[in-house]
Structures are given as C-alpha cells and as structure tokens.
Amino acid sequence: MRQWRVRLIIIALVCMELGALPVLAQTGGQFCVRAFEDRDGNGEWAGAGVEPLLTSDVAVNLLNADGVVVDSGLMENSPTAAQGTLCFRFLPAGQYTAIITSGALTPTTPMSISAAVSETGEPVVVMFGAQIDTAAVGTAAETADAVGSEDQILRLALSAGGALMTMLGMAGIGVLVYALYLRRPRANLSMVTTTGTGSLPPVTPDDTPTHT
C-alpha cells in the first residue's frame, strides 16, 4: 500500500510540474496595436479585404499606470508590420496606455487607448483606425516636384554657364593667336611695298633730267 501511495504522490507531483511549465514559460504580457485604414470612417475594422492594414507611418508610446513611457516603437520597424501590428512584449501585469501618432494619417479612433495586461503571455490587441490624409500626400508630392524642378533648373543653369565659359575661353585664345601670329606678316608686307617701285630705286628730284 505504501508503494502505491508513493507512486501516486510522485505522479501527482510530476503532473503539477508539467502543468506549471506553460506558466513558467511566460515571461510577461503583451500589448499590441493593430492599425487599419478606416475607409468608411466608422472607427471599426471591416476586415483586410475591405480596409487594408497600415504597415507604416504609425508611432506608439506605451505608458504604464503611472503615466511613464516604458517603451516606444514604429510600425515599419515591427517584426509583425505586414500584419499591421506593433507589439510590446515582456510586460509586467498592469494597466497600460498606448499613445498613437501619425504624420500623414487622420485618426478615426482615439489616439490614446488603455488596456489591462496580464502575465499569461496572451496578447492584448487594441485597434487604431485612420484615414490617409490626401491633402498631406498631395502637398508632399508637390514639394517633391518643386524640389525636382529647382534641381533641374540649377543643372540647366550650370550647363549653360559652363558652355558660356568655354565659348569665352575659346574666343580669348583665338584673339591671342590672331594678335601674336597673324598680324606680323601683314605688317612686314606693308614695309616692303613702300620702299620703291619694281626693282629700281626710287626717283629723287636731283635725278630729274634737264633739257638744253
């Protein structure tokens, strides 16, 4: 009888340890923010096939119950960004608040969302909906186009200036060559043609014949 009792006690202890393993494996709770494009603006997600998930341009600061920022992150840096989800892991149990901001999105849900986190490891997921700010996107596109136009004008001005400088340089070289080499033969020729006529020396008044 004693052996059976010992065996039952050992089996019970083993079962208790096995049952405690999942709890021990959990190292803290999770707080996740899932962002979606709220196309109809009703603040509720209609599903990925209707309202796509947002994978970028979402920033989250996570505050604890005392209002202290315990973590922060960007959607585009999240390992689960493809699912539109940004998660904070290994959190002690307690109340947390996500402060969500975005530069090019207009929120349709609260930008401050609170939820209680437990240490079971099961994630708490809150939903954040927003609409794309078409005005901001258009302004950004116009700014990019303006910058591109200014760059193009600057390149054209530099090219024109370079061509003008090249032309002026070539003209200066041509004037210098003309002044140094092309004018000398013409000056020498003018000196030769004024010394006399033909091969005979010039006639002077003393050589004029007299008639008797």
N, C-alpha and C. Protein backbone atom coordinates (compact mmCIF):
# COMPACT_ATOMS: atom_id res chain seq x y z
N MET A 1 0.83 -1.21 0.00
CA MET A 1 0.00 0.00 0.00
C MET A 1 0.86 1.25 0.00
N ARG A 2 1.93 1.18 0.80
CA ARG A 2 2.80 2.34 0.86
C ARG A 2 3.42 2.63 -0.51
N GLN A 3 3.80 1.58 -1.23
CA GLN A 3 4.41 1.78 -2.54
C GLN A 3 3.43 2.46 -3.49
N TRP A 4 2.15 2.06 -3.45
CA TRP A 4 1.16 2.69 -4.31
C TRP A 4 0.96 4.15 -3.93
N ARG A 5 0.98 4.43 -2.63
CA ARG A 5 0.83 5.81 -2.19
C ARG A 5 2.00 6.67 -2.65
N VAL A 6 3.20 6.10 -2.54
CA VAL A 6 4.39 6.85 -3.00
C VAL A 6 4.31 7.11 -4.49
N ARG A 7 3.89 6.07 -5.23
CA ARG A 7 3.77 6.25 -6.68
C ARG A 7 2.73 7.31 -7.03
N LEU A 8 1.61 7.30 -6.34
CA LEU A 8 0.57 8.30 -6.61
C LEU A 8 1.07 9.70 -6.29
N ILE A 9 1.82 9.83 -5.21
CA ILE A 9 2.37 11.15 -4.85
C ILE A 9 3.35 11.63 -5.91
N ILE A 10 4.21 10.70 -6.40
CA ILE A 10 5.19 11.08 -7.44
C ILE A 10 4.47 11.49 -8.72
N ILE A 11 3.43 10.70 -9.10
CA ILE A 11 2.69 11.04 -10.32
C ILE A 11 2.01 12.40 -10.18
N ALA A 12 1.44 12.66 -9.00
CA ALA A 12 0.78 13.95 -8.77
C ALA A 12 1.77 15.10 -8.86
N LEU A 13 2.97 14.90 -8.30
CA LEU A 13 3.99 15.97 -8.36
C LEU A 13 4.44 16.22 -9.79
N VAL A 14 4.60 15.13 -10.56
CA VAL A 14 5.02 15.28 -11.96
C VAL A 14 3.94 16.02 -12.74
N CYS A 15 2.67 15.68 -12.50
CA CYS A 15 1.58 16.37 -13.21
C CYS A 15 1.53 17.84 -12.84
N MET A 16 1.77 18.15 -11.57
CA MET A 16 1.79 19.54 -11.15
C MET A 16 2.91 20.31 -11.82
N GLU A 17 4.09 19.68 -11.94
CA GLU A 17 5.22 20.34 -12.58
C GLU A 17 4.96 20.56 -14.06
N LEU A 18 4.37 19.52 -14.71
CA LEU A 18 4.06 19.67 -16.13
C LEU A 18 3.02 20.75 -16.35
N GLY A 19 2.06 20.83 -15.48
CA GLY A 19 1.05 21.87 -15.61
C GLY A 19 1.60 23.25 -15.36
N ALA A 20 2.65 23.34 -14.59
CA ALA A 20 3.24 24.65 -14.29
C ALA A 20 4.19 25.12 -15.37
N LEU A 21 4.62 24.23 -16.27
CA LEU A 21 5.59 24.61 -17.29
C LEU A 21 5.09 25.72 -18.20
N PRO A 22 3.88 25.69 -18.74
CA PRO A 22 3.42 26.80 -19.59
C PRO A 22 3.42 28.13 -18.86
N VAL A 23 3.10 28.12 -17.57
CA VAL A 23 3.10 29.36 -16.82
C VAL A 23 4.51 29.89 -16.66
N LEU A 24 5.45 28.96 -16.36
CA LEU A 24 6.84 29.39 -16.19
C LEU A 24 7.43 29.87 -17.50
N ALA A 25 6.92 29.34 -18.63
CA ALA A 25 7.47 29.74 -19.93
C ALA A 25 7.12 31.18 -20.27
N GLN A 26 6.04 31.68 -19.68
CA GLN A 26 5.64 33.04 -19.97
C GLN A 26 6.51 34.00 -19.15
N THR A 27 7.08 34.97 -19.82
CA THR A 27 7.96 35.93 -19.15
C THR A 27 7.32 37.30 -19.05
N GLY A 28 6.05 37.44 -19.39
CA GLY A 28 5.39 38.73 -19.28
C GLY A 28 4.26 38.86 -20.28
N GLY A 29 3.49 39.92 -20.13
CA GLY A 29 2.36 40.13 -21.01
C GLY A 29 2.73 40.87 -22.28
N GLN A 30 1.74 40.99 -23.17
CA GLN A 30 1.94 41.67 -24.45
C GLN A 30 0.82 42.68 -24.68
N PHE A 31 1.23 43.84 -25.19
CA PHE A 31 0.28 44.89 -25.56
C PHE A 31 0.53 45.19 -27.03
N CYS A 32 -0.48 44.96 -27.88
CA CYS A 32 -0.32 45.13 -29.32
C CYS A 32 -1.29 46.17 -29.85
N VAL A 33 -0.82 46.93 -30.83
CA VAL A 33 -1.64 47.90 -31.54
C VAL A 33 -1.75 47.45 -32.99
N ARG A 34 -2.98 47.27 -33.44
CA ARG A 34 -3.21 46.92 -34.86
C ARG A 34 -3.84 48.12 -35.55
N ALA A 35 -3.19 48.56 -36.62
CA ALA A 35 -3.63 49.77 -37.33
C ALA A 35 -4.25 49.39 -38.66
N PHE A 36 -5.33 50.06 -39.01
CA PHE A 36 -6.01 49.78 -40.28
C PHE A 36 -6.49 51.09 -40.90
N GLU A 37 -6.66 51.04 -42.22
CA GLU A 37 -7.17 52.21 -42.96
C GLU A 37 -8.69 52.21 -42.87
N ASP A 38 -9.21 53.13 -42.11
CA ASP A 38 -10.65 53.21 -41.89
C ASP A 38 -11.30 54.00 -43.03
N ARG A 39 -11.58 53.32 -44.11
CA ARG A 39 -12.05 54.00 -45.31
C ARG A 39 -13.44 54.60 -45.14
N ASP A 40 -14.30 53.94 -44.39
CA ASP A 40 -15.65 54.49 -44.20
C ASP A 40 -15.74 55.40 -42.98
N GLY A 41 -14.65 55.49 -42.20
CA GLY A 41 -14.59 56.43 -41.09
C GLY A 41 -15.49 56.10 -39.92
N ASN A 42 -15.90 54.83 -39.77
CA ASN A 42 -16.81 54.48 -38.67
C ASN A 42 -16.07 54.01 -37.42
N GLY A 43 -14.73 53.96 -37.47
CA GLY A 43 -13.96 53.56 -36.29
C GLY A 43 -13.91 52.07 -36.05
N GLU A 44 -14.43 51.26 -36.97
CA GLU A 44 -14.42 49.81 -36.83
C GLU A 44 -13.78 49.18 -38.05
N TRP A 45 -13.02 48.14 -37.80
CA TRP A 45 -12.32 47.46 -38.89
C TRP A 45 -13.27 46.51 -39.60
N ALA A 46 -13.37 46.66 -40.92
CA ALA A 46 -14.26 45.84 -41.72
C ALA A 46 -13.58 44.60 -42.29
N GLY A 47 -12.31 44.39 -41.95
CA GLY A 47 -11.58 43.24 -42.46
C GLY A 47 -10.56 43.64 -43.49
N ALA A 48 -9.50 42.80 -43.63
CA ALA A 48 -8.39 43.13 -44.52
C ALA A 48 -8.82 43.24 -45.97
N GLY A 49 -9.84 42.49 -46.36
CA GLY A 49 -10.29 42.55 -47.74
C GLY A 49 -11.01 43.84 -48.08
N VAL A 50 -11.49 44.55 -47.06
CA VAL A 50 -12.24 45.78 -47.29
C VAL A 50 -11.41 47.01 -46.88
N GLU A 51 -10.81 46.93 -45.73
CA GLU A 51 -10.00 48.03 -45.21
C GLU A 51 -8.60 47.50 -44.91
N PRO A 52 -7.62 47.84 -45.73
CA PRO A 52 -6.28 47.28 -45.58
C PRO A 52 -5.61 47.72 -44.28
N LEU A 53 -4.69 46.88 -43.84
CA LEU A 53 -3.92 47.19 -42.64
C LEU A 53 -2.83 48.20 -42.99
N LEU A 54 -2.47 49.02 -42.01
CA LEU A 54 -1.43 50.03 -42.18
C LEU A 54 -0.10 49.45 -41.73
N THR A 55 0.89 49.53 -42.57
CA THR A 55 2.20 48.93 -42.27
C THR A 55 3.29 49.95 -42.01
N SER A 56 2.95 51.25 -42.02
CA SER A 56 3.96 52.28 -41.78
C SER A 56 3.28 53.56 -41.32
N ASP A 57 4.11 54.53 -40.95
CA ASP A 57 3.66 55.86 -40.56
C ASP A 57 2.76 55.82 -39.32
N VAL A 58 3.03 54.89 -38.42
CA VAL A 58 2.32 54.81 -37.15
C VAL A 58 3.36 54.68 -36.04
N ALA A 59 3.34 55.61 -35.09
CA ALA A 59 4.26 55.59 -33.96
C ALA A 59 3.46 55.43 -32.67
N VAL A 60 4.02 54.64 -31.73
CA VAL A 60 3.31 54.35 -30.48
C VAL A 60 4.25 54.53 -29.30
N ASN A 61 3.78 55.28 -28.30
CA ASN A 61 4.43 55.35 -27.00
C ASN A 61 3.57 54.60 -26.01
N LEU A 62 4.19 53.69 -25.26
CA LEU A 62 3.45 52.88 -24.28
C LEU A 62 3.73 53.40 -22.88
N LEU A 63 2.67 53.76 -22.18
CA LEU A 63 2.77 54.31 -20.82
C LEU A 63 2.22 53.29 -19.83
N ASN A 64 2.82 53.24 -18.63
CA ASN A 64 2.30 52.39 -17.58
C ASN A 64 1.22 53.13 -16.79
N ALA A 65 0.77 52.53 -15.70
CA ALA A 65 -0.32 53.12 -14.92
C ALA A 65 0.07 54.45 -14.30
N ASP A 66 1.37 54.69 -14.13
CA ASP A 66 1.84 55.95 -13.56
C ASP A 66 2.06 57.03 -14.61
N GLY A 67 1.76 56.72 -15.86
CA GLY A 67 1.95 57.68 -16.94
C GLY A 67 3.37 57.81 -17.42
N VAL A 68 4.21 56.85 -17.10
CA VAL A 68 5.61 56.86 -17.51
C VAL A 68 5.77 56.04 -18.79
N VAL A 69 6.50 56.59 -19.76
CA VAL A 69 6.74 55.86 -21.01
C VAL A 69 7.70 54.71 -20.73
N VAL A 70 7.22 53.50 -20.95
CA VAL A 70 8.05 52.31 -20.70
C VAL A 70 8.62 51.74 -21.99
N ASP A 71 8.04 52.10 -23.13
CA ASP A 71 8.56 51.60 -24.41
C ASP A 71 7.94 52.43 -25.53
N SER A 72 8.54 52.37 -26.69
CA SER A 72 8.02 53.07 -27.87
C SER A 72 8.48 52.31 -29.11
N GLY A 73 7.79 52.57 -30.22
CA GLY A 73 8.15 51.87 -31.44
C GLY A 73 7.48 52.46 -32.66
N LEU A 74 8.00 52.09 -33.83
CA LEU A 74 7.45 52.49 -35.12
C LEU A 74 6.91 51.26 -35.84
N MET A 75 5.79 51.42 -36.50
CA MET A 75 5.17 50.30 -37.18
C MET A 75 6.11 49.68 -38.21
N GLU A 76 6.82 50.54 -38.98
CA GLU A 76 7.67 49.99 -40.04
C GLU A 76 8.85 49.18 -39.51
N ASN A 77 9.19 49.35 -38.22
CA ASN A 77 10.28 48.58 -37.61
C ASN A 77 9.78 47.34 -36.88
N SER A 78 8.48 47.12 -36.87
CA SER A 78 7.92 45.98 -36.16
C SER A 78 8.10 44.69 -36.95
N PRO A 79 8.45 43.58 -36.29
CA PRO A 79 8.55 42.30 -36.99
C PRO A 79 7.22 41.84 -37.56
N THR A 80 6.11 42.36 -37.02
CA THR A 80 4.78 41.97 -37.50
C THR A 80 4.11 43.12 -38.25
N ALA A 81 4.90 43.98 -38.87
CA ALA A 81 4.34 45.12 -39.61
C ALA A 81 3.47 44.67 -40.77
N ALA A 82 3.80 43.52 -41.38
CA ALA A 82 2.99 43.03 -42.50
C ALA A 82 1.56 42.74 -42.08
N GLN A 83 1.35 42.45 -40.79
CA GLN A 83 0.00 42.23 -40.26
C GLN A 83 -0.57 43.51 -39.66
N GLY A 84 0.09 44.64 -39.89
CA GLY A 84 -0.37 45.90 -39.35
C GLY A 84 -0.34 45.96 -37.84
N THR A 85 0.58 45.22 -37.22
CA THR A 85 0.60 45.08 -35.77
C THR A 85 1.95 45.48 -35.20
N LEU A 86 1.91 46.26 -34.13
CA LEU A 86 3.11 46.64 -33.38
C LEU A 86 2.90 46.18 -31.94
N CYS A 87 3.76 45.28 -31.45
CA CYS A 87 3.58 44.67 -30.14
C CYS A 87 4.72 45.05 -29.19
N PHE A 88 4.34 45.18 -27.91
CA PHE A 88 5.30 45.37 -26.82
C PHE A 88 5.22 44.14 -25.91
N ARG A 89 6.35 43.47 -25.74
CA ARG A 89 6.37 42.19 -25.03
C ARG A 89 7.06 42.32 -23.68
N PHE A 90 6.98 41.22 -22.93
CA PHE A 90 7.66 41.08 -21.64
C PHE A 90 7.23 42.18 -20.66
N LEU A 91 5.94 42.42 -20.59
CA LEU A 91 5.41 43.46 -19.73
C LEU A 91 4.90 42.87 -18.42
N PRO A 92 5.19 43.51 -17.30
CA PRO A 92 4.56 43.09 -16.05
C PRO A 92 3.06 43.34 -16.11
N ALA A 93 2.33 42.59 -15.33
CA ALA A 93 0.88 42.77 -15.32
C ALA A 93 0.52 44.18 -14.84
N GLY A 94 -0.49 44.75 -15.45
CA GLY A 94 -0.91 46.08 -15.05
C GLY A 94 -1.68 46.78 -16.15
N GLN A 95 -2.02 48.02 -15.89
CA GLN A 95 -2.75 48.85 -16.86
C GLN A 95 -1.77 49.64 -17.70
N TYR A 96 -2.00 49.64 -19.01
CA TYR A 96 -1.11 50.35 -19.93
C TYR A 96 -1.95 51.20 -20.87
N THR A 97 -1.30 52.25 -21.38
CA THR A 97 -1.96 53.16 -22.32
C THR A 97 -1.05 53.37 -23.53
N ALA A 98 -1.61 53.20 -24.72
CA ALA A 98 -0.87 53.45 -25.96
C ALA A 98 -1.23 54.83 -26.49
N ILE A 99 -0.22 55.67 -26.69
CA ILE A 99 -0.40 56.97 -27.31
C ILE A 99 0.07 56.83 -28.76
N ILE A 100 -0.87 56.98 -29.69
CA ILE A 100 -0.59 56.69 -31.10
C ILE A 100 -0.58 57.99 -31.89
N THR A 101 0.44 58.18 -32.70
CA THR A 101 0.57 59.38 -33.53
C THR A 101 0.92 58.97 -34.95
N SER A 102 0.60 59.88 -35.89
CA SER A 102 0.93 59.66 -37.29
C SER A 102 0.97 61.00 -38.00
N GLY A 103 1.94 61.15 -38.92
CA GLY A 103 2.10 62.41 -39.62
C GLY A 103 1.18 62.57 -40.82
N ALA A 104 0.89 61.48 -41.52
CA ALA A 104 0.11 61.57 -42.76
C ALA A 104 -1.23 60.88 -42.66
N LEU A 105 -1.68 60.57 -41.44
CA LEU A 105 -2.95 59.89 -41.25
C LEU A 105 -3.86 60.72 -40.35
N THR A 106 -5.16 60.65 -40.63
CA THR A 106 -6.17 61.32 -39.81
C THR A 106 -6.89 60.25 -38.98
N PRO A 107 -6.68 60.22 -37.66
CA PRO A 107 -7.28 59.16 -36.84
C PRO A 107 -8.80 59.20 -36.86
N THR A 108 -9.40 58.02 -36.89
CA THR A 108 -10.86 57.88 -36.75
C THR A 108 -11.21 57.17 -35.45
N THR A 109 -10.21 56.74 -34.71
CA THR A 109 -10.38 56.15 -33.39
C THR A 109 -9.56 56.96 -32.41
N PRO A 110 -9.76 56.79 -31.10
CA PRO A 110 -8.96 57.55 -30.13
C PRO A 110 -7.47 57.30 -30.31
N MET A 111 -6.69 58.35 -30.09
CA MET A 111 -5.23 58.24 -30.19
C MET A 111 -4.62 57.78 -28.87
N SER A 112 -5.42 57.68 -27.83
CA SER A 112 -5.00 57.17 -26.53
C SER A 112 -5.91 56.00 -26.17
N ILE A 113 -5.33 54.80 -26.10
CA ILE A 113 -6.10 53.58 -25.85
C ILE A 113 -5.49 52.85 -24.67
N SER A 114 -6.30 52.50 -23.68
CA SER A 114 -5.82 51.82 -22.47
C SER A 114 -6.37 50.40 -22.43
N ALA A 115 -5.57 49.51 -21.80
CA ALA A 115 -6.00 48.12 -21.64
C ALA A 115 -5.17 47.50 -20.51
N ALA A 116 -5.73 46.46 -19.90
CA ALA A 116 -5.05 45.73 -18.82
C ALA A 116 -4.28 44.56 -19.41
N VAL A 117 -3.05 44.38 -18.95
CA VAL A 117 -2.18 43.31 -19.42
C VAL A 117 -1.94 42.34 -18.27
N SER A 118 -2.03 41.05 -18.58
CA SER A 118 -1.71 40.01 -17.60
C SER A 118 -0.41 39.34 -17.98
N GLU A 119 0.15 38.57 -17.06
CA GLU A 119 1.43 37.92 -17.30
C GLU A 119 1.28 36.54 -17.93
N THR A 120 0.10 36.22 -18.42
CA THR A 120 -0.10 34.91 -19.03
C THR A 120 0.55 34.81 -20.40
N GLY A 121 0.94 35.94 -20.97
CA GLY A 121 1.55 35.93 -22.28
C GLY A 121 0.56 36.11 -23.41
N GLU A 122 -0.72 36.03 -23.11
CA GLU A 122 -1.73 36.23 -24.14
C GLU A 122 -1.79 37.71 -24.50
N PRO A 123 -1.59 38.05 -25.77
CA PRO A 123 -1.52 39.47 -26.14
C PRO A 123 -2.86 40.18 -26.05
N VAL A 124 -2.80 41.43 -25.61
CA VAL A 124 -3.95 42.31 -25.64
C VAL A 124 -3.83 43.16 -26.90
N VAL A 125 -4.83 43.12 -27.77
CA VAL A 125 -4.76 43.82 -29.05
C VAL A 125 -5.80 44.93 -29.06
N VAL A 126 -5.34 46.16 -29.31
CA VAL A 126 -6.25 47.30 -29.46
C VAL A 126 -6.18 47.76 -30.91
N MET A 127 -7.28 48.30 -31.40
CA MET A 127 -7.39 48.68 -32.79
C MET A 127 -7.26 50.20 -32.94
N PHE A 128 -6.49 50.59 -33.94
CA PHE A 128 -6.32 52.00 -34.27
C PHE A 128 -6.69 52.20 -35.73
N GLY A 129 -7.72 53.01 -35.97
CA GLY A 129 -8.14 53.30 -37.33
C GLY A 129 -7.79 54.71 -37.75
N ALA A 130 -7.48 54.88 -39.02
CA ALA A 130 -7.11 56.19 -39.54
C ALA A 130 -7.38 56.23 -41.03
N GLN A 131 -7.56 57.44 -41.53
CA GLN A 131 -7.72 57.66 -42.96
C GLN A 131 -6.51 58.40 -43.49
N ILE A 132 -6.15 58.07 -44.72
CA ILE A 132 -4.99 58.70 -45.34
C ILE A 132 -5.32 60.15 -45.65
N ASP A 133 -4.44 61.04 -45.19
CA ASP A 133 -4.63 62.48 -45.42
C ASP A 133 -4.18 62.80 -46.84
N THR A 134 -5.14 62.86 -47.75
CA THR A 134 -4.79 63.10 -49.16
C THR A 134 -4.19 64.47 -49.36
N ALA A 135 -4.61 65.45 -48.55
CA ALA A 135 -4.03 66.80 -48.67
C ALA A 135 -2.56 66.78 -48.33
N ALA A 136 -2.20 66.05 -47.25
CA ALA A 136 -0.79 65.97 -46.86
C ALA A 136 0.02 65.23 -47.90
N VAL A 137 -0.57 64.15 -48.46
CA VAL A 137 0.14 63.41 -49.50
C VAL A 137 0.33 64.27 -50.73
N GLY A 138 -0.73 65.06 -51.11
CA GLY A 138 -0.59 65.94 -52.27
C GLY A 138 0.44 67.02 -52.04
N THR A 139 0.48 67.58 -50.82
CA THR A 139 1.48 68.60 -50.51
C THR A 139 2.88 68.03 -50.58
N ALA A 140 3.05 66.82 -50.07
CA ALA A 140 4.37 66.19 -50.14
C ALA A 140 4.78 65.95 -51.59
N ALA A 141 3.82 65.51 -52.42
CA ALA A 141 4.14 65.29 -53.83
C ALA A 141 4.49 66.60 -54.53
N GLU A 142 3.73 67.67 -54.22
CA GLU A 142 4.03 68.96 -54.82
C GLU A 142 5.40 69.46 -54.39
N THR A 143 5.72 69.26 -53.11
CA THR A 143 7.04 69.68 -52.62
C THR A 143 8.14 68.93 -53.33
N ALA A 144 7.94 67.61 -53.52
CA ALA A 144 8.94 66.81 -54.22
C ALA A 144 9.09 67.27 -55.67
N ASP A 145 7.95 67.59 -56.32
CA ASP A 145 8.02 68.08 -57.70
C ASP A 145 8.73 69.43 -57.78
N ALA A 146 8.45 70.30 -56.79
CA ALA A 146 9.10 71.62 -56.79
C ALA A 146 10.59 71.48 -56.60
N VAL A 147 10.98 70.60 -55.69
CA VAL A 147 12.42 70.39 -55.47
C VAL A 147 13.06 69.83 -56.72
N GLY A 148 12.36 68.89 -57.40
CA GLY A 148 12.90 68.34 -58.63
C GLY A 148 13.03 69.39 -59.71
N SER A 149 12.04 70.30 -59.82
CA SER A 149 12.12 71.38 -60.82
C SER A 149 13.26 72.32 -60.52
N GLU A 150 13.45 72.66 -59.25
CA GLU A 150 14.56 73.54 -58.89
C GLU A 150 15.90 72.89 -59.21
N ASP A 151 16.01 71.60 -58.93
CA ASP A 151 17.26 70.90 -59.27
C ASP A 151 17.50 70.90 -60.78
N GLN A 152 16.44 70.69 -61.54
CA GLN A 152 16.59 70.68 -63.00
C GLN A 152 17.01 72.05 -63.51
N ILE A 153 16.40 73.12 -62.98
CA ILE A 153 16.77 74.48 -63.39
C ILE A 153 18.22 74.75 -63.03
N LEU A 154 18.63 74.32 -61.83
CA LEU A 154 20.02 74.54 -61.41
C LEU A 154 20.99 73.81 -62.33
N ARG A 155 20.66 72.58 -62.70
CA ARG A 155 21.53 71.84 -63.61
C ARG A 155 21.62 72.52 -64.97
N LEU A 156 20.48 73.01 -65.50
CA LEU A 156 20.50 73.71 -66.78
C LEU A 156 21.32 74.99 -66.70
N ALA A 157 21.19 75.72 -65.58
CA ALA A 157 21.95 76.96 -65.42
C ALA A 157 23.44 76.66 -65.35
N LEU A 158 23.82 75.61 -64.64
CA LEU A 158 25.23 75.25 -64.57
C LEU A 158 25.77 74.82 -65.93
N SER A 159 24.94 74.08 -66.67
CA SER A 159 25.37 73.66 -68.01
C SER A 159 25.54 74.85 -68.93
N ALA A 160 24.57 75.79 -68.89
CA ALA A 160 24.68 76.98 -69.73
C ALA A 160 25.89 77.82 -69.33
N GLY A 161 26.12 77.97 -68.04
CA GLY A 161 27.28 78.73 -67.58
C GLY A 161 28.58 78.09 -68.02
N GLY A 162 28.64 76.76 -67.94
CA GLY A 162 29.85 76.07 -68.38
C GLY A 162 30.08 76.24 -69.87
N ALA A 163 29.00 76.15 -70.66
CA ALA A 163 29.14 76.34 -72.11
C ALA A 163 29.59 77.76 -72.44
N LEU A 164 29.03 78.76 -71.72
CA LEU A 164 29.42 80.15 -71.96
C LEU A 164 30.88 80.38 -71.61
N MET A 165 31.32 79.83 -70.50
CA MET A 165 32.72 79.99 -70.12
C MET A 165 33.64 79.33 -71.15
N THR A 166 33.22 78.18 -71.68
CA THR A 166 34.03 77.51 -72.70
C THR A 166 34.12 78.37 -73.96
N MET A 167 33.00 78.95 -74.38
CA MET A 167 33.00 79.81 -75.57
C MET A 167 33.87 81.04 -75.37
N LEU A 168 33.78 81.65 -74.20
CA LEU A 168 34.61 82.83 -73.93
C LEU A 168 36.09 82.46 -73.91
N GLY A 169 36.39 81.30 -73.36
CA GLY A 169 37.79 80.87 -73.33
C GLY A 169 38.33 80.63 -74.74
N MET A 170 37.54 79.98 -75.59
CA MET A 170 37.97 79.74 -76.96
C MET A 170 38.12 81.06 -77.73
N ALA A 171 37.20 82.01 -77.50
CA ALA A 171 37.32 83.31 -78.17
C ALA A 171 38.57 84.04 -77.73
N GLY A 172 38.89 83.97 -76.43
CA GLY A 172 40.10 84.62 -75.95
C GLY A 172 41.35 84.02 -76.56
N ILE A 173 41.37 82.70 -76.69
CA ILE A 173 42.53 82.04 -77.32
C ILE A 173 42.65 82.46 -78.78
N GLY A 174 41.49 82.56 -79.49
CA GLY A 174 41.54 82.98 -80.88
C GLY A 174 42.08 84.39 -81.03
N VAL A 175 41.66 85.32 -80.18
CA VAL A 175 42.17 86.70 -80.24
C VAL A 175 43.65 86.73 -79.97
N LEU A 176 44.10 85.93 -79.01
CA LEU A 176 45.53 85.91 -78.68
C LEU A 176 46.35 85.37 -79.84
N VAL A 177 45.86 84.31 -80.47
CA VAL A 177 46.59 83.76 -81.62
C VAL A 177 46.63 84.76 -82.76
N TYR A 178 45.55 85.44 -83.01
CA TYR A 178 45.49 86.45 -84.07
C TYR A 178 46.47 87.58 -83.79
N ALA A 179 46.53 88.05 -82.53
CA ALA A 179 47.40 89.17 -82.20
C ALA A 179 48.86 88.81 -82.28
N LEU A 180 49.22 87.57 -81.93
CA LEU A 180 50.63 87.19 -81.87
C LEU A 180 51.18 86.70 -83.20
N TYR A 181 50.37 86.06 -84.02
CA TYR A 181 50.90 85.40 -85.20
C TYR A 181 50.35 85.92 -86.52
N LEU A 182 49.11 86.23 -86.60
CA LEU A 182 48.50 86.55 -87.88
C LEU A 182 48.75 87.99 -88.32
N ARG A 183 49.02 88.90 -87.41
CA ARG A 183 49.23 90.29 -87.78
C ARG A 183 50.66 90.58 -88.23
N ARG A 184 51.66 89.80 -87.89
CA ARG A 184 53.06 90.07 -88.24
C ARG A 184 53.33 90.02 -89.74
N PRO A 185 52.93 89.04 -90.50
CA PRO A 185 53.23 89.04 -91.95
C PRO A 185 52.63 90.23 -92.66
N ARG A 186 51.46 90.65 -92.25
CA ARG A 186 50.83 91.80 -92.91
C ARG A 186 51.61 93.08 -92.61
N ALA A 187 52.15 93.23 -91.41
CA ALA A 187 52.97 94.40 -91.09
C ALA A 187 54.24 94.40 -91.91
N ASN A 188 54.92 93.25 -92.06
CA ASN A 188 56.16 93.18 -92.85
C ASN A 188 55.88 93.47 -94.31
N LEU A 189 54.76 92.99 -94.84
CA LEU A 189 54.41 93.22 -96.23
C LEU A 189 54.22 94.70 -96.53
N SER A 190 53.61 95.43 -95.59
CA SER A 190 53.40 96.86 -95.80
C SER A 190 54.73 97.61 -95.82
N MET A 191 55.71 97.15 -95.06
CA MET A 191 57.03 97.81 -95.07
C MET A 191 57.73 97.58 -96.40
N VAL A 192 57.62 96.42 -97.00
CA VAL A 192 58.31 96.12 -98.25
C VAL A 192 57.71 96.89 -99.40
N THR A 193 56.46 97.01 -99.51
CA THR A 193 55.81 97.64 -100.66
C THR A 193 55.98 99.15 -100.67
N THR A 194 56.46 99.76 -99.64
CA THR A 194 56.64 101.21 -99.62
C THR A 194 58.08 101.63 -99.85
N THR A 195 59.02 100.71 -100.14
CA THR A 195 60.43 101.08 -100.34
C THR A 195 60.73 101.54 -101.76
N GLY A 196 59.88 101.19 -102.73
CA GLY A 196 60.17 101.62 -104.11
C GLY A 196 59.20 101.03 -105.08
N THR A 197 59.48 101.21 -106.38
CA THR A 197 58.61 100.65 -107.41
C THR A 197 59.41 99.67 -108.22
N GLY A 198 58.97 98.48 -108.34
CA GLY A 198 59.67 97.44 -109.09
C GLY A 198 61.01 97.14 -108.46
N SER A 199 62.05 96.91 -109.35
CA SER A 199 63.39 96.61 -108.87
C SER A 199 64.31 97.81 -108.92
N LEU A 200 63.81 98.97 -109.38
CA LEU A 200 64.64 100.17 -109.50
C LEU A 200 64.51 101.01 -108.26
N PRO A 201 65.55 101.73 -107.93
CA PRO A 201 65.48 102.63 -106.76
C PRO A 201 64.52 103.76 -107.06
N PRO A 202 64.00 104.37 -106.08
CA PRO A 202 63.05 105.47 -106.29
C PRO A 202 63.73 106.68 -106.90
N VAL A 203 62.95 107.45 -107.63
CA VAL A 203 63.46 108.65 -108.30
C VAL A 203 63.38 109.82 -107.36
N THR A 204 64.50 110.53 -107.30
CA THR A 204 64.54 111.73 -106.45
C THR A 204 64.58 112.96 -107.33
N PRO A 205 64.31 114.15 -106.83
CA PRO A 205 64.34 115.39 -107.63
C PRO A 205 65.67 115.67 -108.26
N ASP A 206 66.81 115.27 -107.64
CA ASP A 206 68.13 115.55 -108.21
C ASP A 206 68.40 114.76 -109.46
N ASP A 207 67.69 113.61 -109.64
CA ASP A 207 67.92 112.80 -110.83
C ASP A 207 67.06 113.18 -112.00
N THR A 208 66.27 114.20 -111.84
CA THR A 208 65.39 114.60 -112.95
C THR A 208 66.21 115.19 -114.09
N PRO A 209 66.12 114.67 -115.32
CA PRO A 209 66.95 115.18 -116.45
C PRO A 209 66.54 116.60 -116.83
N THR A 210 67.53 117.33 -117.32
CA THR A 210 67.27 118.72 -117.73
C THR A 210 67.44 118.80 -119.25
N HIS A 211 66.68 119.63 -119.86
CA HIS A 211 66.75 119.79 -121.35
C HIS A 211 67.40 121.15 -121.66
N THR A 212 68.34 121.10 -122.58
CA THR A 212 69.03 122.33 -123.01
C THR A 212 68.47 122.78 -124.35
